[in-house]
Amino acid sequence: MLKYLRYQRQIRENQINRAIKQANSKQKSRKNNPNDPARFITEKHFTENGEKADKVQYVINLNCQIKCNS
């Protein structure tokens, strides 16, 4: 049981690292695969004056368990 827990933690850490790498790269692939690390990435569009949002901020959501597993 403990071995499996460590295995699952390692998989999640690797997926989060891939999501961070994907968020920092120019490639913004949004696949519909439930195991894709892009499920940790959320986009936030923002401007300083309320105009059309040209700036995009990519945020890694680490508390993605309920939303992502459904």
PDB file of N, CA and C in Angstrom:
ATOM      1  N   MET A   1       0.821  -1.192   0.000  1.00  0.00           N
ATOM      2  CA  MET A   1       0.000   0.000   0.000  1.00  0.00           C
ATOM      3  C   MET A   1       0.867   1.259   0.000  1.00  0.00           C
ATOM      4  N   LEU A   2       1.882   1.268   0.818  1.00  0.00           N
ATOM      5  CA  LEU A   2       2.775   2.420   0.885  1.00  0.00           C
ATOM      6  C   LEU A   2       3.563   2.575  -0.413  1.00  0.00           C
ATOM      7  N   LYS A   3       3.917   1.461  -1.016  1.00  0.00           N
ATOM      8  CA  LYS A   3       4.628   1.483  -2.276  1.00  0.00           C
ATOM      9  C   LYS A   3       3.774   2.135  -3.370  1.00  0.00           C
ATOM     10  N   TYR A   4       2.496   1.787  -3.399  1.00  0.00           N
ATOM     11  CA  TYR A   4       1.574   2.337  -4.383  1.00  0.00           C
ATOM     12  C   TYR A   4       1.363   3.834  -4.163  1.00  0.00           C
ATOM     13  N   LEU A   5       1.305   4.263  -2.924  1.00  0.00           N
ATOM     14  CA  LEU A   5       1.147   5.668  -2.593  1.00  0.00           C
ATOM     15  C   LEU A   5       2.338   6.482  -3.098  1.00  0.00           C
ATOM     16  N   ARG A   6       3.536   5.965  -2.878  1.00  0.00           N
ATOM     17  CA  ARG A   6       4.738   6.645  -3.381  1.00  0.00           C
ATOM     18  C   ARG A   6       4.735   6.701  -4.902  1.00  0.00           C
ATOM     19  N   TYR A   7       4.287   5.618  -5.528  1.00  0.00           N
ATOM     20  CA  TYR A   7       4.215   5.558  -6.986  1.00  0.00           C
ATOM     21  C   TYR A   7       3.258   6.626  -7.517  1.00  0.00           C
ATOM     22  N   GLN A   8       2.085   6.756  -6.913  1.00  0.00           N
ATOM     23  CA  GLN A   8       1.112   7.750  -7.346  1.00  0.00           C
ATOM     24  C   GLN A   8       1.619   9.178  -7.133  1.00  0.00           C
ATOM     25  N   ARG A   9       2.298   9.420  -6.035  1.00  0.00           N
ATOM     26  CA  ARG A   9       2.880  10.746  -5.785  1.00  0.00           C
ATOM     27  C   ARG A   9       3.933  11.088  -6.831  1.00  0.00           C
ATOM     28  N   GLN A  10       4.739  10.111  -7.187  1.00  0.00           N
ATOM     29  CA  GLN A  10       5.778  10.332  -8.192  1.00  0.00           C
ATOM     30  C   GLN A  10       5.150  10.658  -9.550  1.00  0.00           C
ATOM     31  N   ILE A  11       4.103   9.949  -9.918  1.00  0.00           N
ATOM     32  CA  ILE A  11       3.419  10.218 -11.181  1.00  0.00           C
ATOM     33  C   ILE A  11       2.842  11.633 -11.178  1.00  0.00           C
ATOM     34  N   ARG A  12       2.193  12.025 -10.079  1.00  0.00           N
ATOM     35  CA  ARG A  12       1.605  13.367  -9.990  1.00  0.00           C
ATOM     36  C   ARG A  12       2.675  14.450 -10.057  1.00  0.00           C
ATOM     37  N   GLU A  13       3.798  14.255  -9.369  1.00  0.00           N
ATOM     38  CA  GLU A  13       4.887  15.233  -9.417  1.00  0.00           C
ATOM     39  C   GLU A  13       5.429  15.374 -10.831  1.00  0.00           C
ATOM     40  N   ASN A  14       5.576  14.249 -11.543  1.00  0.00           N
ATOM     41  CA  ASN A  14       6.059  14.311 -12.915  1.00  0.00           C
ATOM     42  C   ASN A  14       5.062  15.025 -13.825  1.00  0.00           C
ATOM     43  N   GLN A  15       3.774  14.800 -13.615  1.00  0.00           N
ATOM     44  CA  GLN A  15       2.762  15.478 -14.417  1.00  0.00           C
ATOM     45  C   GLN A  15       2.755  16.980 -14.135  1.00  0.00           C
ATOM     46  N   ILE A  16       2.935  17.353 -12.888  1.00  0.00           N
ATOM     47  CA  ILE A  16       2.990  18.774 -12.545  1.00  0.00           C
ATOM     48  C   ILE A  16       4.222  19.422 -13.161  1.00  0.00           C
ATOM     49  N   ASN A  17       5.352  18.728 -13.135  1.00  0.00           N
ATOM     50  CA  ASN A  17       6.565  19.264 -13.763  1.00  0.00           C
ATOM     51  C   ASN A  17       6.370  19.437 -15.266  1.00  0.00           C
ATOM     52  N   ARG A  18       5.698  18.481 -15.912  1.00  0.00           N
ATOM     53  CA  ARG A  18       5.418  18.614 -17.345  1.00  0.00           C
ATOM     54  C   ARG A  18       4.454  19.766 -17.602  1.00  0.00           C
ATOM     55  N   ALA A  19       3.496  19.977 -16.708  1.00  0.00           N
ATOM     56  CA  ALA A  19       2.556  21.094 -16.859  1.00  0.00           C
ATOM     57  C   ALA A  19       3.280  22.428 -16.720  1.00  0.00           C
ATOM     58  N   ILE A  20       4.212  22.523 -15.791  1.00  0.00           N
ATOM     59  CA  ILE A  20       4.996  23.753 -15.624  1.00  0.00           C
ATOM     60  C   ILE A  20       5.824  24.014 -16.874  1.00  0.00           C
ATOM     61  N   LYS A  21       6.441  22.974 -17.395  1.00  0.00           N
ATOM     62  CA  LYS A  21       7.249  23.116 -18.610  1.00  0.00           C
ATOM     63  C   LYS A  21       6.375  23.543 -19.785  1.00  0.00           C
ATOM     64  N   GLN A  22       5.186  22.966 -19.883  1.00  0.00           N
ATOM     65  CA  GLN A  22       4.260  23.296 -20.969  1.00  0.00           C
ATOM     66  C   GLN A  22       3.741  24.726 -20.821  1.00  0.00           C
ATOM     67  N   ALA A  23       3.487  25.180 -19.606  1.00  0.00           N
ATOM     68  CA  ALA A  23       3.002  26.544 -19.384  1.00  0.00           C
ATOM     69  C   ALA A  23       4.080  27.571 -19.713  1.00  0.00           C
ATOM     70  N   ASN A  24       5.336  27.227 -19.496  1.00  0.00           N
ATOM     71  CA  ASN A  24       6.434  28.154 -19.776  1.00  0.00           C
ATOM     72  C   ASN A  24       6.844  28.152 -21.241  1.00  0.00           C
ATOM     73  N   SER A  25       6.472  27.122 -21.982  1.00  0.00           N
ATOM     74  CA  SER A  25       6.868  27.045 -23.386  1.00  0.00           C
ATOM     75  C   SER A  25       5.874  27.802 -24.252  1.00  0.00           C
ATOM     76  N   LYS A  26       6.207  27.952 -25.496  1.00  0.00           N
ATOM     77  CA  LYS A  26       5.322  28.624 -26.446  1.00  0.00           C
ATOM     78  C   LYS A  26       4.230  27.686 -26.938  1.00  0.00           C
ATOM     79  N   GLN A  27       4.396  26.403 -26.762  1.00  0.00           N
ATOM     80  CA  GLN A  27       3.415  25.424 -27.217  1.00  0.00           C
ATOM     81  C   GLN A  27       2.312  25.293 -26.180  1.00  0.00           C
ATOM     82  N   LYS A  28       1.104  25.656 -26.550  1.00  0.00           N
ATOM     83  CA  LYS A  28      -0.034  25.603 -25.634  1.00  0.00           C
ATOM     84  C   LYS A  28      -1.012  24.553 -26.135  1.00  0.00           C
ATOM     85  N   SER A  29      -0.649  23.313 -26.059  1.00  0.00           N
ATOM     86  CA  SER A  29      -1.496  22.219 -26.516  1.00  0.00           C
ATOM     87  C   SER A  29      -2.545  21.920 -25.461  1.00  0.00           C
ATOM     88  N   ARG A  30      -3.814  21.927 -25.851  1.00  0.00           N
ATOM     89  CA  ARG A  30      -4.917  21.627 -24.935  1.00  0.00           C
ATOM     90  C   ARG A  30      -5.617  20.376 -25.441  1.00  0.00           C
ATOM     91  N   LYS A  31      -5.108  19.230 -25.073  1.00  0.00           N
ATOM     92  CA  LYS A  31      -5.697  17.964 -25.483  1.00  0.00           C
ATOM     93  C   LYS A  31      -6.888  17.625 -24.596  1.00  0.00           C
ATOM     94  N   ASN A  32      -7.700  16.704 -25.061  1.00  0.00           N
ATOM     95  CA  ASN A  32      -8.860  16.282 -24.288  1.00  0.00           C
ATOM     96  C   ASN A  32      -8.598  14.964 -23.575  1.00  0.00           C
ATOM     97  N   ASN A  33      -7.372  14.669 -23.292  1.00  0.00           N
ATOM     98  CA  ASN A  33      -6.992  13.446 -22.604  1.00  0.00           C
ATOM     99  C   ASN A  33      -7.051  13.691 -21.097  1.00  0.00           C
ATOM    100  N   PRO A  34      -7.720  12.837 -20.318  1.00  0.00           N
ATOM    101  CA  PRO A  34      -7.805  13.066 -18.878  1.00  0.00           C
ATOM    102  C   PRO A  34      -6.466  12.934 -18.155  1.00  0.00           C
ATOM    103  N   ASN A  35      -5.480  12.327 -18.783  1.00  0.00           N
ATOM    104  CA  ASN A  35      -4.167  12.185 -18.165  1.00  0.00           C
ATOM    105  C   ASN A  35      -3.177  13.242 -18.640  1.00  0.00           C
ATOM    106  N   ASP A  36      -3.629  14.158 -19.467  1.00  0.00           N
ATOM    107  CA  ASP A  36      -2.758  15.191 -19.993  1.00  0.00           C
ATOM    108  C   ASP A  36      -2.385  16.177 -18.882  1.00  0.00           C
ATOM    109  N   PRO A  37      -1.119  16.530 -18.765  1.00  0.00           N
ATOM    110  CA  PRO A  37      -0.730  17.486 -17.708  1.00  0.00           C
ATOM    111  C   PRO A  37      -1.317  18.875 -17.906  1.00  0.00           C
ATOM    112  N   ALA A  38      -1.890  19.147 -19.055  1.00  0.00           N
ATOM    113  CA  ALA A  38      -2.510  20.459 -19.284  1.00  0.00           C
ATOM    114  C   ALA A  38      -3.735  20.665 -18.406  1.00  0.00           C
ATOM    115  N   ARG A  39      -4.239  19.617 -17.781  1.00  0.00           N
ATOM    116  CA  ARG A  39      -5.399  19.778 -16.900  1.00  0.00           C
ATOM    117  C   ARG A  39      -5.043  20.582 -15.653  1.00  0.00           C
ATOM    118  N   PHE A  40      -3.767  20.709 -15.352  1.00  0.00           N
ATOM    119  CA  PHE A  40      -3.333  21.516 -14.210  1.00  0.00           C
ATOM    120  C   PHE A  40      -3.199  22.993 -14.571  1.00  0.00           C
ATOM    121  N   ILE A  41      -3.256  23.321 -15.856  1.00  0.00           N
ATOM    122  CA  ILE A  41      -3.016  24.687 -16.316  1.00  0.00           C
ATOM    123  C   ILE A  41      -4.346  25.405 -16.494  1.00  0.00           C
ATOM    124  N   THR A  42      -4.453  26.572 -15.886  1.00  0.00           N
ATOM    125  CA  THR A  42      -5.619  27.422 -16.113  1.00  0.00           C
ATOM    126  C   THR A  42      -5.136  28.740 -16.706  1.00  0.00           C
ATOM    127  N   GLU A  43      -5.916  29.279 -17.622  1.00  0.00           N
ATOM    128  CA  GLU A  43      -5.566  30.538 -18.271  1.00  0.00           C
ATOM    129  C   GLU A  43      -6.322  31.668 -17.602  1.00  0.00           C
ATOM    130  N   LYS A  44      -5.626  32.747 -17.323  1.00  0.00           N
ATOM    131  CA  LYS A  44      -6.271  33.946 -16.789  1.00  0.00           C
ATOM    132  C   LYS A  44      -5.956  35.091 -17.748  1.00  0.00           C
ATOM    133  N   HIS A  45      -7.009  35.638 -18.341  1.00  0.00           N
ATOM    134  CA  HIS A  45      -6.870  36.774 -19.253  1.00  0.00           C
ATOM    135  C   HIS A  45      -7.071  38.044 -18.446  1.00  0.00           C
ATOM    136  N   PHE A  46      -6.164  38.999 -18.634  1.00  0.00           N
ATOM    137  CA  PHE A  46      -6.266  40.210 -17.827  1.00  0.00           C
ATOM    138  C   PHE A  46      -5.745  41.420 -18.586  1.00  0.00           C
ATOM    139  N   THR A  47      -6.216  42.573 -18.180  1.00  0.00           N
ATOM    140  CA  THR A  47      -5.709  43.861 -18.649  1.00  0.00           C
ATOM    141  C   THR A  47      -5.612  44.784 -17.446  1.00  0.00           C
ATOM    142  N   GLU A  48      -4.932  45.880 -17.646  1.00  0.00           N
ATOM    143  CA  GLU A  48      -4.798  46.837 -16.553  1.00  0.00           C
ATOM    144  C   GLU A  48      -5.970  47.808 -16.496  1.00  0.00           C
ATOM    145  N   ASN A  49      -6.621  48.064 -17.650  1.00  0.00           N
ATOM    146  CA  ASN A  49      -7.684  49.069 -17.697  1.00  0.00           C
ATOM    147  C   ASN A  49      -9.049  48.495 -18.062  1.00  0.00           C
ATOM    148  N   GLY A  50      -9.200  47.213 -18.099  1.00  0.00           N
ATOM    149  CA  GLY A  50     -10.486  46.616 -18.417  1.00  0.00           C
ATOM    150  C   GLY A  50     -10.766  46.518 -19.908  1.00  0.00           C
ATOM    151  N   GLU A  51      -9.747  46.678 -20.758  1.00  0.00           N
ATOM    152  CA  GLU A  51      -9.938  46.568 -22.194  1.00  0.00           C
ATOM    153  C   GLU A  51      -9.934  45.096 -22.602  1.00  0.00           C
ATOM    154  N   LYS A  52      -9.950  44.888 -23.908  1.00  0.00           N
ATOM    155  CA  LYS A  52      -9.877  43.529 -24.415  1.00  0.00           C
ATOM    156  C   LYS A  52      -8.580  42.902 -23.923  1.00  0.00           C
ATOM    157  N   ALA A  53      -8.691  41.703 -23.381  1.00  0.00           N
ATOM    158  CA  ALA A  53      -7.544  41.076 -22.729  1.00  0.00           C
ATOM    159  C   ALA A  53      -6.533  40.587 -23.762  1.00  0.00           C
ATOM    160  N   ASP A  54      -5.391  41.219 -23.786  1.00  0.00           N
ATOM    161  CA  ASP A  54      -4.306  40.788 -24.657  1.00  0.00           C
ATOM    162  C   ASP A  54      -3.306  39.935 -23.893  1.00  0.00           C
ATOM    163  N   LYS A  55      -3.225  40.152 -22.614  1.00  0.00           N
ATOM    164  CA  LYS A  55      -2.261  39.423 -21.798  1.00  0.00           C
ATOM    165  C   LYS A  55      -2.899  38.164 -21.223  1.00  0.00           C
ATOM    166  N   VAL A  56      -2.142  37.089 -21.257  1.00  0.00           N
ATOM    167  CA  VAL A  56      -2.629  35.812 -20.727  1.00  0.00           C
ATOM    168  C   VAL A  56      -1.625  35.320 -19.699  1.00  0.00           C
ATOM    169  N   GLN A  57      -2.134  34.930 -18.565  1.00  0.00           N
ATOM    170  CA  GLN A  57      -1.292  34.372 -17.516  1.00  0.00           C
ATOM    171  C   GLN A  57      -1.688  32.915 -17.339  1.00  0.00           C
ATOM    172  N   TYR A  58      -0.704  32.025 -17.384  1.00  0.00           N
ATOM    173  CA  TYR A  58      -0.953  30.606 -17.185  1.00  0.00           C
ATOM    174  C   TYR A  58      -0.604  30.250 -15.750  1.00  0.00           C
ATOM    175  N   VAL A  59      -1.568  29.662 -15.041  1.00  0.00           N
ATOM    176  CA  VAL A  59      -1.420  29.350 -13.626  1.00  0.00           C
ATOM    177  C   VAL A  59      -1.527  27.841 -13.447  1.00  0.00           C
ATOM    178  N   ILE A  60      -0.633  27.285 -12.630  1.00  0.00           N
ATOM    179  CA  ILE A  60      -0.673  25.867 -12.320  1.00  0.00           C
ATOM    180  C   ILE A  60      -1.592  25.674 -11.121  1.00  0.00           C
ATOM    181  N   ASN A  61      -2.643  24.886 -11.305  1.00  0.00           N
ATOM    182  CA  ASN A  61      -3.612  24.616 -10.255  1.00  0.00           C
ATOM    183  C   ASN A  61      -3.284  23.261  -9.623  1.00  0.00           C
ATOM    184  N   LEU A  62      -2.733  23.269  -8.423  1.00  0.00           N
ATOM    185  CA  LEU A  62      -2.329  22.036  -7.766  1.00  0.00           C
ATOM    186  C   LEU A  62      -3.489  21.344  -7.051  1.00  0.00           C
ATOM    187  N   ASN A  63      -4.580  22.055  -6.810  1.00  0.00           N
ATOM    188  CA  ASN A  63      -5.747  21.467  -6.149  1.00  0.00           C
ATOM    189  C   ASN A  63      -6.781  21.083  -7.183  1.00  0.00           C
ATOM    190  N   CYS A  64      -6.390  20.253  -8.097  1.00  0.00           N
ATOM    191  CA  CYS A  64      -7.193  19.947  -9.272  1.00  0.00           C
ATOM    192  C   CYS A  64      -7.873  18.586  -9.157  1.00  0.00           C
ATOM    193  N   GLN A  65      -7.929  17.996  -7.997  1.00  0.00           N
ATOM    194  CA  GLN A  65      -8.380  16.612  -7.862  1.00  0.00           C
ATOM    195  C   GLN A  65      -9.852  16.446  -8.192  1.00  0.00           C
ATOM    196  N   ILE A  66     -10.735  17.246  -7.638  1.00  0.00           N
ATOM    197  CA  ILE A  66     -12.167  17.053  -7.833  1.00  0.00           C
ATOM    198  C   ILE A  66     -12.566  17.414  -9.268  1.00  0.00           C
ATOM    199  N   LYS A  67     -12.110  18.555  -9.740  1.00  0.00           N
ATOM    200  CA  LYS A  67     -12.501  19.016 -11.056  1.00  0.00           C
ATOM    201  C   LYS A  67     -11.908  18.150 -12.163  1.00  0.00           C
ATOM    202  N   CYS A  68     -10.691  17.687 -12.001  1.00  0.00           N
ATOM    203  CA  CYS A  68     -10.002  16.974 -13.067  1.00  0.00           C
ATOM    204  C   CYS A  68     -10.402  15.502 -13.149  1.00  0.00           C
ATOM    205  N   ASN A  69     -10.774  14.911 -12.057  1.00  0.00           N
ATOM    206  CA  ASN A  69     -11.091  13.488 -12.069  1.00  0.00           C
ATOM    207  C   ASN A  69     -12.529  13.215 -12.451  1.00  0.00           C
ATOM    208  N   SER A  70     -13.331  14.235 -12.642  1.00  0.00           N
ATOM    209  CA  SER A  70     -14.726  13.996 -13.006  1.00  0.00           C
ATOM    210  C   SER A  70     -14.903  13.891 -14.500  1.00  0.00           C
TER     211      SER A  70
END
